[in-house]
Amino acid sequence: MPIDFERSSIDVARALIGVGVFVDGVGGRIVETEAYDQADPASHSYAGHTARNAAMFGPPGRAYVYRSYGIHWCLNFVCMPAGHGAGVLIRAVEPIVGLETMRARRGVDDERLLCSGPGRLCQALAIDHGFNGMRLDRPPFRLVAPEQPVEVAAGVRIGISKSRELPWRFVLAGSRFLSKPLPTVREAA
């Protein structure tokens, strides 16, 4: 599915809600995202280009994969024109295809716990640093447009210490697969 990644991270984060993401045929529907931009102190690109964040400054429509706290891999989709340094963190996915594979990778049975959080979803989809810089429009990735419009809600981002007040977290309204519920829900514009 062609997604226009040459837009602001806010627009892309909102547009990704409801999109199917599959890695080697395993995956589900994106239900939670967060936008990050180079002008945002919470973004990895804020301090400029480094070896660690190089993929964020590369062409849009690529994966930026990094380790969080040295423990969990996190998947981001790069957006904006190349060189800008913006991306969308994929925070949660509703698992749909390959549940037994995800259960084996995660070591849990509860489908709600398979992909509800950036580290969990990377483990369930077997995403690691080897995916960093890969194109999202080619295997092993496959993105699929939702069959019908989805209701998107917005709120503040979580798990960060800077720019926490920005309403750049987007979720599928009513989803039980979010990493955490929105403290206050309002319609996304």
N, C-alpha and C. Protein backbone atom coordinates (compact mmCIF):
# COMPACT_ATOMS: atom_id res chain seq x y z
N MET A 1 0.85 -1.18 0.00
CA MET A 1 0.00 0.00 0.00
C MET A 1 0.89 1.23 0.00
N PRO A 2 0.65 2.13 -0.91
CA PRO A 2 1.47 3.34 -0.90
C PRO A 2 0.98 4.32 0.17
N ILE A 3 1.85 4.61 1.13
CA ILE A 3 1.56 5.61 2.14
C ILE A 3 2.50 6.77 1.87
N ASP A 4 1.99 7.97 1.93
CA ASP A 4 2.83 9.15 1.70
C ASP A 4 3.59 9.46 2.98
N PHE A 5 4.85 9.06 3.01
CA PHE A 5 5.70 9.32 4.17
C PHE A 5 6.38 10.68 4.08
N GLU A 6 6.21 11.39 2.98
CA GLU A 6 6.82 12.72 2.84
C GLU A 6 5.88 13.79 3.37
N ARG A 7 5.40 13.56 4.58
CA ARG A 7 4.54 14.49 5.30
C ARG A 7 5.06 14.62 6.71
N SER A 8 4.45 15.49 7.48
CA SER A 8 4.88 15.66 8.87
C SER A 8 4.66 14.37 9.64
N SER A 9 5.46 14.18 10.68
CA SER A 9 5.31 12.98 11.50
C SER A 9 3.93 12.93 12.16
N ILE A 10 3.36 14.09 12.45
CA ILE A 10 2.02 14.13 13.05
C ILE A 10 0.99 13.58 12.07
N ASP A 11 1.05 14.03 10.82
CA ASP A 11 0.10 13.55 9.80
C ASP A 11 0.28 12.05 9.55
N VAL A 12 1.53 11.61 9.48
CA VAL A 12 1.79 10.19 9.22
C VAL A 12 1.36 9.34 10.41
N ALA A 13 1.64 9.80 11.64
CA ALA A 13 1.26 9.04 12.83
C ALA A 13 -0.25 8.83 12.88
N ARG A 14 -1.00 9.85 12.55
CA ARG A 14 -2.47 9.76 12.53
C ARG A 14 -2.92 8.82 11.41
N ALA A 15 -2.32 8.95 10.23
CA ALA A 15 -2.73 8.16 9.07
C ALA A 15 -2.41 6.67 9.22
N LEU A 16 -1.43 6.33 10.06
CA LEU A 16 -1.06 4.92 10.23
C LEU A 16 -2.02 4.13 11.10
N ILE A 17 -2.87 4.81 11.86
CA ILE A 17 -3.82 4.08 12.71
C ILE A 17 -4.79 3.30 11.81
N GLY A 18 -4.87 2.00 12.07
CA GLY A 18 -5.73 1.12 11.28
C GLY A 18 -5.01 0.42 10.14
N VAL A 19 -3.79 0.86 9.81
CA VAL A 19 -3.02 0.25 8.73
C VAL A 19 -2.47 -1.09 9.22
N GLY A 20 -2.53 -2.09 8.36
CA GLY A 20 -1.94 -3.38 8.68
C GLY A 20 -0.44 -3.33 8.46
N VAL A 21 0.32 -3.86 9.40
CA VAL A 21 1.78 -3.97 9.25
C VAL A 21 2.14 -5.44 9.45
N PHE A 22 2.84 -5.98 8.46
CA PHE A 22 3.21 -7.39 8.49
C PHE A 22 4.70 -7.51 8.17
N VAL A 23 5.37 -8.37 8.93
CA VAL A 23 6.79 -8.64 8.72
C VAL A 23 6.91 -10.13 8.45
N ASP A 24 7.31 -10.46 7.23
CA ASP A 24 7.35 -11.87 6.81
C ASP A 24 6.02 -12.55 7.08
N GLY A 25 4.92 -11.84 6.82
CA GLY A 25 3.58 -12.41 6.94
C GLY A 25 2.97 -12.43 8.33
N VAL A 26 3.71 -11.98 9.33
CA VAL A 26 3.22 -11.97 10.71
C VAL A 26 2.94 -10.53 11.11
N GLY A 27 1.77 -10.26 11.70
CA GLY A 27 1.49 -8.89 12.13
C GLY A 27 0.03 -8.64 12.41
N GLY A 28 -0.37 -7.38 12.24
CA GLY A 28 -1.73 -6.98 12.53
C GLY A 28 -1.95 -5.52 12.24
N ARG A 29 -2.95 -4.96 12.92
CA ARG A 29 -3.39 -3.60 12.67
C ARG A 29 -2.73 -2.64 13.66
N ILE A 30 -2.15 -1.55 13.14
CA ILE A 30 -1.54 -0.54 14.00
C ILE A 30 -2.65 0.17 14.76
N VAL A 31 -2.52 0.18 16.11
CA VAL A 31 -3.55 0.80 16.96
C VAL A 31 -3.00 1.94 17.81
N GLU A 32 -1.67 2.15 17.78
CA GLU A 32 -1.09 3.22 18.59
C GLU A 32 0.23 3.68 17.99
N THR A 33 0.37 5.00 17.83
CA THR A 33 1.60 5.59 17.29
C THR A 33 1.95 6.84 18.08
N GLU A 34 3.19 7.30 17.92
CA GLU A 34 3.61 8.59 18.45
C GLU A 34 4.48 9.28 17.42
N ALA A 35 4.28 10.59 17.26
CA ALA A 35 5.05 11.39 16.31
C ALA A 35 6.25 12.02 16.99
N TYR A 36 7.37 12.08 16.25
CA TYR A 36 8.60 12.73 16.72
C TYR A 36 9.19 13.53 15.57
N ASP A 37 9.70 14.73 15.88
CA ASP A 37 10.24 15.62 14.86
C ASP A 37 11.57 16.18 15.35
N GLN A 38 12.42 16.59 14.43
CA GLN A 38 13.74 17.11 14.77
C GLN A 38 13.68 18.31 15.71
N ALA A 39 12.63 19.11 15.62
CA ALA A 39 12.49 20.28 16.49
C ALA A 39 11.97 19.92 17.88
N ASP A 40 11.69 18.65 18.11
CA ASP A 40 11.11 18.13 19.35
C ASP A 40 12.22 17.62 20.27
N PRO A 41 12.39 18.20 21.46
CA PRO A 41 13.45 17.75 22.37
C PRO A 41 13.37 16.27 22.77
N ALA A 42 12.22 15.63 22.60
CA ALA A 42 12.08 14.20 22.93
C ALA A 42 12.54 13.30 21.79
N SER A 43 12.82 13.87 20.62
CA SER A 43 13.19 13.09 19.45
C SER A 43 14.67 12.73 19.46
N HIS A 44 14.99 11.55 18.95
CA HIS A 44 16.40 11.14 18.81
C HIS A 44 17.14 12.04 17.82
N SER A 45 16.42 12.71 16.94
CA SER A 45 17.06 13.56 15.94
C SER A 45 17.30 15.00 16.43
N TYR A 46 16.82 15.33 17.60
CA TYR A 46 16.89 16.70 18.12
C TYR A 46 18.31 17.26 18.16
N ALA A 47 19.26 16.47 18.59
CA ALA A 47 20.66 16.92 18.73
C ALA A 47 21.43 16.83 17.41
N GLY A 48 20.78 16.37 16.35
CA GLY A 48 21.44 16.27 15.06
C GLY A 48 21.75 14.84 14.66
N HIS A 49 22.35 14.71 13.51
CA HIS A 49 22.67 13.43 12.89
C HIS A 49 23.80 12.72 13.65
N THR A 50 23.56 11.45 14.00
CA THR A 50 24.58 10.61 14.63
C THR A 50 24.56 9.24 13.94
N ALA A 51 25.51 8.41 14.25
CA ALA A 51 25.51 7.05 13.70
C ALA A 51 24.26 6.30 14.15
N ARG A 52 23.85 6.51 15.41
CA ARG A 52 22.68 5.79 15.95
C ARG A 52 21.40 6.17 15.23
N ASN A 53 21.19 7.47 14.95
CA ASN A 53 19.92 7.91 14.39
C ASN A 53 19.98 8.19 12.89
N ALA A 54 21.01 7.74 12.21
CA ALA A 54 21.19 8.04 10.78
C ALA A 54 19.97 7.70 9.94
N ALA A 55 19.29 6.59 10.23
CA ALA A 55 18.12 6.21 9.43
C ALA A 55 17.02 7.27 9.50
N MET A 56 16.91 7.99 10.62
CA MET A 56 15.89 9.04 10.75
C MET A 56 16.12 10.18 9.77
N PHE A 57 17.35 10.37 9.34
CA PHE A 57 17.69 11.44 8.41
C PHE A 57 17.74 10.95 6.97
N GLY A 58 17.45 9.67 6.79
CA GLY A 58 17.48 9.09 5.46
C GLY A 58 16.16 9.28 4.73
N PRO A 59 15.99 8.53 3.65
CA PRO A 59 14.76 8.67 2.87
C PRO A 59 13.52 8.30 3.68
N PRO A 60 12.41 8.98 3.44
CA PRO A 60 11.16 8.61 4.11
C PRO A 60 10.70 7.23 3.63
N GLY A 61 9.85 6.59 4.47
CA GLY A 61 9.35 5.27 4.10
C GLY A 61 10.33 4.16 4.42
N ARG A 62 11.18 4.41 5.38
CA ARG A 62 12.16 3.41 5.84
C ARG A 62 11.95 3.16 7.33
N ALA A 63 12.51 2.06 7.82
CA ALA A 63 12.44 1.73 9.24
C ALA A 63 13.62 2.37 9.97
N TYR A 64 13.34 2.89 11.15
CA TYR A 64 14.38 3.32 12.09
C TYR A 64 14.18 2.46 13.32
N VAL A 65 15.16 1.59 13.61
CA VAL A 65 15.06 0.65 14.72
C VAL A 65 16.19 0.95 15.69
N TYR A 66 15.83 1.10 16.95
CA TYR A 66 16.83 1.38 17.99
C TYR A 66 16.48 0.60 19.25
N ARG A 67 17.46 0.50 20.14
CA ARG A 67 17.24 -0.14 21.44
C ARG A 67 16.82 0.91 22.45
N SER A 68 15.81 0.59 23.22
CA SER A 68 15.33 1.46 24.29
C SER A 68 15.89 0.96 25.61
N TYR A 69 16.57 1.82 26.31
CA TYR A 69 17.17 1.48 27.61
C TYR A 69 18.08 0.26 27.52
N GLY A 70 18.62 -0.01 26.33
CA GLY A 70 19.52 -1.13 26.14
C GLY A 70 18.85 -2.48 26.24
N ILE A 71 17.51 -2.50 26.24
CA ILE A 71 16.77 -3.75 26.44
C ILE A 71 15.90 -4.13 25.24
N HIS A 72 14.98 -3.22 24.86
CA HIS A 72 13.96 -3.53 23.85
C HIS A 72 14.23 -2.81 22.54
N TRP A 73 13.95 -3.50 21.44
CA TRP A 73 14.00 -2.85 20.14
C TRP A 73 12.71 -2.07 19.94
N CYS A 74 12.79 -0.94 19.24
CA CYS A 74 11.63 -0.11 18.94
C CYS A 74 11.62 0.19 17.45
N LEU A 75 10.45 0.13 16.84
CA LEU A 75 10.27 0.34 15.41
C LEU A 75 9.64 1.70 15.15
N ASN A 76 10.29 2.46 14.28
CA ASN A 76 9.79 3.76 13.84
C ASN A 76 9.72 3.77 12.33
N PHE A 77 8.80 4.56 11.79
CA PHE A 77 8.71 4.77 10.34
C PHE A 77 9.20 6.18 10.07
N VAL A 78 10.21 6.31 9.22
CA VAL A 78 10.80 7.61 8.89
C VAL A 78 9.87 8.35 7.94
N CYS A 79 9.72 9.66 8.19
CA CYS A 79 8.87 10.48 7.33
C CYS A 79 9.53 11.83 7.07
N MET A 80 8.84 12.72 6.38
CA MET A 80 9.33 14.03 5.95
C MET A 80 10.38 13.83 4.85
N PRO A 81 10.83 14.91 4.23
CA PRO A 81 11.89 14.75 3.23
C PRO A 81 13.17 14.24 3.87
N ALA A 82 13.98 13.55 3.09
CA ALA A 82 15.27 13.05 3.59
C ALA A 82 16.06 14.22 4.16
N GLY A 83 16.74 13.96 5.26
CA GLY A 83 17.56 14.99 5.90
C GLY A 83 16.86 15.72 7.02
N HIS A 84 15.54 15.58 7.15
CA HIS A 84 14.80 16.33 8.17
C HIS A 84 14.92 15.72 9.56
N GLY A 85 14.86 14.42 9.69
CA GLY A 85 14.95 13.78 11.00
C GLY A 85 13.63 13.68 11.73
N ALA A 86 12.64 13.02 11.13
CA ALA A 86 11.33 12.85 11.76
C ALA A 86 10.89 11.40 11.61
N GLY A 87 10.11 10.93 12.58
CA GLY A 87 9.65 9.56 12.51
C GLY A 87 8.43 9.32 13.38
N VAL A 88 7.86 8.15 13.19
CA VAL A 88 6.67 7.73 13.93
C VAL A 88 7.00 6.43 14.65
N LEU A 89 6.90 6.46 15.97
CA LEU A 89 7.09 5.26 16.77
C LEU A 89 5.82 4.42 16.69
N ILE A 90 5.97 3.15 16.34
CA ILE A 90 4.83 2.23 16.32
C ILE A 90 4.75 1.65 17.73
N ARG A 91 3.76 2.08 18.51
CA ARG A 91 3.66 1.71 19.93
C ARG A 91 2.88 0.42 20.17
N ALA A 92 1.87 0.15 19.34
CA ALA A 92 1.07 -1.06 19.57
C ALA A 92 0.39 -1.51 18.29
N VAL A 93 0.24 -2.82 18.19
CA VAL A 93 -0.40 -3.46 17.04
C VAL A 93 -1.41 -4.47 17.59
N GLU A 94 -2.58 -4.51 16.99
CA GLU A 94 -3.56 -5.56 17.30
C GLU A 94 -3.16 -6.80 16.51
N PRO A 95 -2.73 -7.87 17.16
CA PRO A 95 -2.26 -9.05 16.42
C PRO A 95 -3.39 -9.73 15.67
N ILE A 96 -3.12 -10.05 14.39
CA ILE A 96 -4.16 -10.67 13.55
C ILE A 96 -3.65 -11.93 12.87
N VAL A 97 -2.45 -11.89 12.31
CA VAL A 97 -1.91 -13.02 11.55
C VAL A 97 -0.63 -13.52 12.21
N GLY A 98 -0.55 -14.83 12.39
CA GLY A 98 0.65 -15.43 12.97
C GLY A 98 0.67 -15.41 14.49
N LEU A 99 -0.50 -15.50 15.10
CA LEU A 99 -0.58 -15.44 16.56
C LEU A 99 0.26 -16.52 17.26
N GLU A 100 0.26 -17.73 16.74
CA GLU A 100 1.05 -18.79 17.38
C GLU A 100 2.54 -18.48 17.29
N THR A 101 2.98 -17.91 16.18
CA THR A 101 4.38 -17.51 16.03
C THR A 101 4.70 -16.41 17.03
N MET A 102 3.80 -15.43 17.16
CA MET A 102 4.02 -14.35 18.12
C MET A 102 4.04 -14.88 19.55
N ARG A 103 3.13 -15.79 19.85
CA ARG A 103 3.10 -16.37 21.21
C ARG A 103 4.42 -17.08 21.53
N ALA A 104 4.95 -17.81 20.57
CA ALA A 104 6.22 -18.51 20.78
C ALA A 104 7.36 -17.52 20.98
N ARG A 105 7.38 -16.46 20.19
CA ARG A 105 8.44 -15.46 20.30
C ARG A 105 8.37 -14.70 21.62
N ARG A 106 7.15 -14.44 22.09
CA ARG A 106 6.95 -13.65 23.31
C ARG A 106 6.89 -14.51 24.57
N GLY A 107 6.52 -15.77 24.42
CA GLY A 107 6.40 -16.63 25.59
C GLY A 107 5.18 -16.33 26.44
N VAL A 108 4.13 -15.78 25.81
CA VAL A 108 2.87 -15.49 26.50
C VAL A 108 1.70 -15.96 25.64
N ASP A 109 0.59 -16.27 26.29
CA ASP A 109 -0.60 -16.72 25.56
C ASP A 109 -1.59 -15.59 25.30
N ASP A 110 -1.70 -14.65 26.22
CA ASP A 110 -2.68 -13.57 26.13
C ASP A 110 -2.41 -12.70 24.91
N GLU A 111 -3.32 -12.73 23.93
CA GLU A 111 -3.08 -11.96 22.70
C GLU A 111 -2.98 -10.46 22.95
N ARG A 112 -3.57 -9.97 24.04
CA ARG A 112 -3.46 -8.55 24.34
C ARG A 112 -2.03 -8.16 24.71
N LEU A 113 -1.26 -9.10 25.20
CA LEU A 113 0.11 -8.82 25.62
C LEU A 113 1.15 -9.09 24.53
N LEU A 114 0.71 -9.52 23.35
CA LEU A 114 1.66 -9.84 22.30
C LEU A 114 2.34 -8.61 21.70
N CYS A 115 1.57 -7.58 21.40
CA CYS A 115 2.11 -6.42 20.68
C CYS A 115 1.70 -5.09 21.31
N SER A 116 1.33 -5.08 22.59
CA SER A 116 0.86 -3.85 23.25
C SER A 116 2.03 -3.14 23.93
N GLY A 117 2.84 -2.51 23.13
CA GLY A 117 4.02 -1.79 23.57
C GLY A 117 5.10 -1.95 22.53
N PRO A 118 5.95 -0.94 22.37
CA PRO A 118 6.95 -0.99 21.30
C PRO A 118 7.93 -2.16 21.41
N GLY A 119 8.38 -2.48 22.62
CA GLY A 119 9.29 -3.61 22.79
C GLY A 119 8.61 -4.93 22.54
N ARG A 120 7.38 -5.07 23.02
CA ARG A 120 6.62 -6.31 22.82
C ARG A 120 6.37 -6.57 21.34
N LEU A 121 5.97 -5.52 20.61
CA LEU A 121 5.64 -5.75 19.21
C LEU A 121 6.88 -6.10 18.41
N CYS A 122 8.03 -5.50 18.75
CA CYS A 122 9.25 -5.86 18.03
C CYS A 122 9.65 -7.30 18.31
N GLN A 123 9.48 -7.74 19.55
CA GLN A 123 9.77 -9.14 19.88
C GLN A 123 8.80 -10.06 19.14
N ALA A 124 7.51 -9.73 19.14
CA ALA A 124 6.50 -10.56 18.48
C ALA A 124 6.71 -10.64 16.98
N LEU A 125 7.19 -9.55 16.37
CA LEU A 125 7.41 -9.51 14.91
C LEU A 125 8.85 -9.84 14.54
N ALA A 126 9.68 -10.16 15.53
CA ALA A 126 11.09 -10.51 15.33
C ALA A 126 11.88 -9.38 14.67
N ILE A 127 11.60 -8.15 15.10
CA ILE A 127 12.30 -6.98 14.58
C ILE A 127 13.48 -6.66 15.48
N ASP A 128 14.64 -6.51 14.87
CA ASP A 128 15.84 -6.11 15.59
C ASP A 128 16.60 -5.10 14.74
N HIS A 129 17.81 -4.77 15.14
CA HIS A 129 18.57 -3.72 14.45
C HIS A 129 18.85 -4.05 12.98
N GLY A 130 18.78 -5.31 12.62
CA GLY A 130 18.97 -5.70 11.22
C GLY A 130 17.92 -5.10 10.29
N PHE A 131 16.80 -4.63 10.83
CA PHE A 131 15.75 -4.01 10.02
C PHE A 131 15.97 -2.51 9.85
N ASN A 132 16.91 -1.95 10.57
CA ASN A 132 17.17 -0.51 10.52
C ASN A 132 17.52 -0.08 9.10
N GLY A 133 16.81 0.92 8.60
CA GLY A 133 17.04 1.44 7.25
C GLY A 133 16.31 0.72 6.15
N MET A 134 15.64 -0.39 6.44
CA MET A 134 14.91 -1.13 5.41
C MET A 134 13.72 -0.35 4.89
N ARG A 135 13.43 -0.54 3.61
CA ARG A 135 12.26 0.07 3.00
C ARG A 135 10.99 -0.60 3.52
N LEU A 136 9.96 0.21 3.74
CA LEU A 136 8.69 -0.31 4.24
C LEU A 136 7.77 -0.79 3.13
N ASP A 137 8.12 -0.49 1.89
CA ASP A 137 7.27 -0.88 0.75
C ASP A 137 7.78 -2.15 0.06
N ARG A 138 8.68 -2.87 0.73
CA ARG A 138 9.23 -4.09 0.17
C ARG A 138 9.33 -5.15 1.26
N PRO A 139 9.34 -6.44 0.85
CA PRO A 139 9.55 -7.48 1.84
C PRO A 139 10.87 -7.27 2.57
N PRO A 140 10.89 -7.57 3.87
CA PRO A 140 9.94 -8.39 4.61
C PRO A 140 8.70 -7.62 5.08
N PHE A 141 8.66 -6.28 4.87
CA PHE A 141 7.52 -5.48 5.32
C PHE A 141 6.39 -5.53 4.29
N ARG A 142 5.17 -5.42 4.79
CA ARG A 142 3.98 -5.21 3.95
C ARG A 142 3.02 -4.36 4.75
N LEU A 143 2.60 -3.24 4.16
CA LEU A 143 1.62 -2.35 4.79
C LEU A 143 0.33 -2.45 4.00
N VAL A 144 -0.80 -2.54 4.71
CA VAL A 144 -2.10 -2.73 4.08
C VAL A 144 -3.08 -1.68 4.61
N ALA A 145 -3.72 -0.97 3.68
CA ALA A 145 -4.69 0.07 4.05
C ALA A 145 -5.89 -0.56 4.75
N PRO A 146 -6.48 0.16 5.71
CA PRO A 146 -7.70 -0.36 6.34
C PRO A 146 -8.83 -0.42 5.32
N GLU A 147 -9.72 -1.39 5.50
CA GLU A 147 -10.83 -1.56 4.57
C GLU A 147 -11.90 -0.50 4.73
N GLN A 148 -11.97 0.10 5.91
CA GLN A 148 -12.95 1.15 6.16
C GLN A 148 -12.33 2.21 7.07
N PRO A 149 -12.89 3.41 7.11
CA PRO A 149 -12.33 4.45 7.97
C PRO A 149 -12.31 4.02 9.43
N VAL A 150 -11.34 4.53 10.17
CA VAL A 150 -11.22 4.21 11.58
C VAL A 150 -11.34 5.48 12.41
N GLU A 151 -11.76 5.32 13.66
CA GLU A 151 -11.87 6.46 14.56
C GLU A 151 -10.57 6.62 15.33
N VAL A 152 -9.93 7.77 15.16
CA VAL A 152 -8.64 8.05 15.77
C VAL A 152 -8.82 9.03 16.92
N ALA A 153 -8.19 8.73 18.04
CA ALA A 153 -8.17 9.64 19.19
C ALA A 153 -6.72 10.06 19.42
N ALA A 154 -6.54 11.23 20.05
CA ALA A 154 -5.20 11.76 20.30
C ALA A 154 -5.02 12.08 21.77
N GLY A 155 -3.78 12.04 22.20
CA GLY A 155 -3.43 12.37 23.58
C GLY A 155 -1.95 12.65 23.68
N VAL A 156 -1.47 12.83 24.89
CA VAL A 156 -0.05 13.12 25.09
C VAL A 156 0.76 11.83 25.00
N ARG A 157 2.01 11.99 24.60
CA ARG A 157 2.91 10.84 24.49
C ARG A 157 3.28 10.34 25.88
N ILE A 158 3.73 9.09 25.93
CA ILE A 158 4.07 8.48 27.21
C ILE A 158 5.50 7.94 27.17
N GLY A 159 6.07 7.73 28.35
CA GLY A 159 7.39 7.13 28.44
C GLY A 159 8.53 8.07 28.09
N ILE A 160 8.27 9.38 28.08
CA ILE A 160 9.32 10.35 27.78
C ILE A 160 9.34 11.41 28.88
N SER A 161 10.44 12.14 28.96
CA SER A 161 10.54 13.18 30.00
C SER A 161 10.48 14.59 29.42
N LYS A 162 10.67 14.74 28.11
CA LYS A 162 10.64 16.05 27.48
C LYS A 162 9.44 16.14 26.54
N SER A 163 8.90 17.34 26.39
CA SER A 163 7.78 17.60 25.47
C SER A 163 6.60 16.66 25.73
N ARG A 164 6.39 16.34 27.00
CA ARG A 164 5.31 15.42 27.35
C ARG A 164 3.93 15.99 27.10
N GLU A 165 3.82 17.31 27.02
CA GLU A 165 2.51 17.95 26.87
C GLU A 165 1.97 17.90 25.44
N LEU A 166 2.81 17.55 24.46
CA LEU A 166 2.36 17.56 23.07
C LEU A 166 1.39 16.41 22.80
N PRO A 167 0.25 16.69 22.18
CA PRO A 167 -0.75 15.65 21.90
C PRO A 167 -0.41 14.87 20.63
N TRP A 168 0.75 14.25 20.62
CA TRP A 168 1.27 13.57 19.43
C TRP A 168 1.19 12.05 19.53
N ARG A 169 0.35 11.57 20.39
CA ARG A 169 0.08 10.13 20.49
C ARG A 169 -1.29 9.88 19.88
N PHE A 170 -1.36 8.93 18.96
CA PHE A 170 -2.61 8.62 18.26
C PHE A 170 -2.96 7.16 18.48
N VAL A 171 -4.25 6.92 18.71
CA VAL A 171 -4.71 5.56 18.99
C VAL A 171 -6.00 5.26 18.23
N LEU A 172 -6.24 3.98 18.04
CA LEU A 172 -7.51 3.53 17.51
C LEU A 172 -8.50 3.58 18.67
N ALA A 173 -9.49 4.45 18.55
CA ALA A 173 -10.46 4.64 19.64
C ALA A 173 -11.10 3.31 20.01
N GLY A 174 -11.11 3.03 21.31
CA GLY A 174 -11.76 1.83 21.82
C GLY A 174 -10.93 0.56 21.74
N SER A 175 -9.70 0.62 21.22
CA SER A 175 -8.89 -0.59 21.10
C SER A 175 -8.47 -1.11 22.47
N ARG A 176 -8.51 -2.42 22.64
CA ARG A 176 -8.05 -3.04 23.88
C ARG A 176 -6.59 -3.48 23.78
N PHE A 177 -5.92 -3.12 22.68
CA PHE A 177 -4.55 -3.55 22.45
C PHE A 177 -3.53 -2.42 22.63
N LEU A 178 -3.95 -1.29 23.21
CA LEU A 178 -3.04 -0.18 23.44
C LEU A 178 -2.01 -0.54 24.50
N SER A 179 -0.86 0.14 24.46
CA SER A 179 0.14 -0.10 25.50
C SER A 179 -0.36 0.43 26.84
N LYS A 180 -1.05 1.56 26.81
CA LYS A 180 -1.71 2.15 27.99
C LYS A 180 -2.90 2.95 27.49
N PRO A 181 -3.98 3.02 28.27
CA PRO A 181 -5.13 3.83 27.83
C PRO A 181 -4.79 5.31 27.81
N LEU A 182 -5.50 6.04 26.99
CA LEU A 182 -5.33 7.50 26.98
C LEU A 182 -5.89 8.07 28.27
N PRO A 183 -5.17 8.96 28.93
CA PRO A 183 -5.72 9.56 30.15
C PRO A 183 -6.91 10.47 29.85
N THR A 184 -6.82 11.19 28.75
CA THR A 184 -7.94 12.01 28.30
C THR A 184 -8.02 11.80 26.80
N VAL A 185 -9.21 11.54 26.31
CA VAL A 185 -9.40 11.28 24.90
C VAL A 185 -10.07 12.46 24.26
N ARG A 186 -9.54 12.85 23.10
CA ARG A 186 -10.21 13.87 22.30
C ARG A 186 -10.06 13.47 20.84
N GLU A 187 -10.98 13.87 20.04
CA GLU A 187 -10.94 13.54 18.63
C GLU A 187 -9.72 14.16 17.96
N ALA A 188 -9.07 13.40 17.11
CA ALA A 188 -7.96 13.94 16.33
C ALA A 188 -8.54 14.75 15.18
N ALA A 189 -7.92 15.86 14.90
CA ALA A 189 -8.43 16.73 13.82
C ALA A 189 -8.15 16.15 12.47
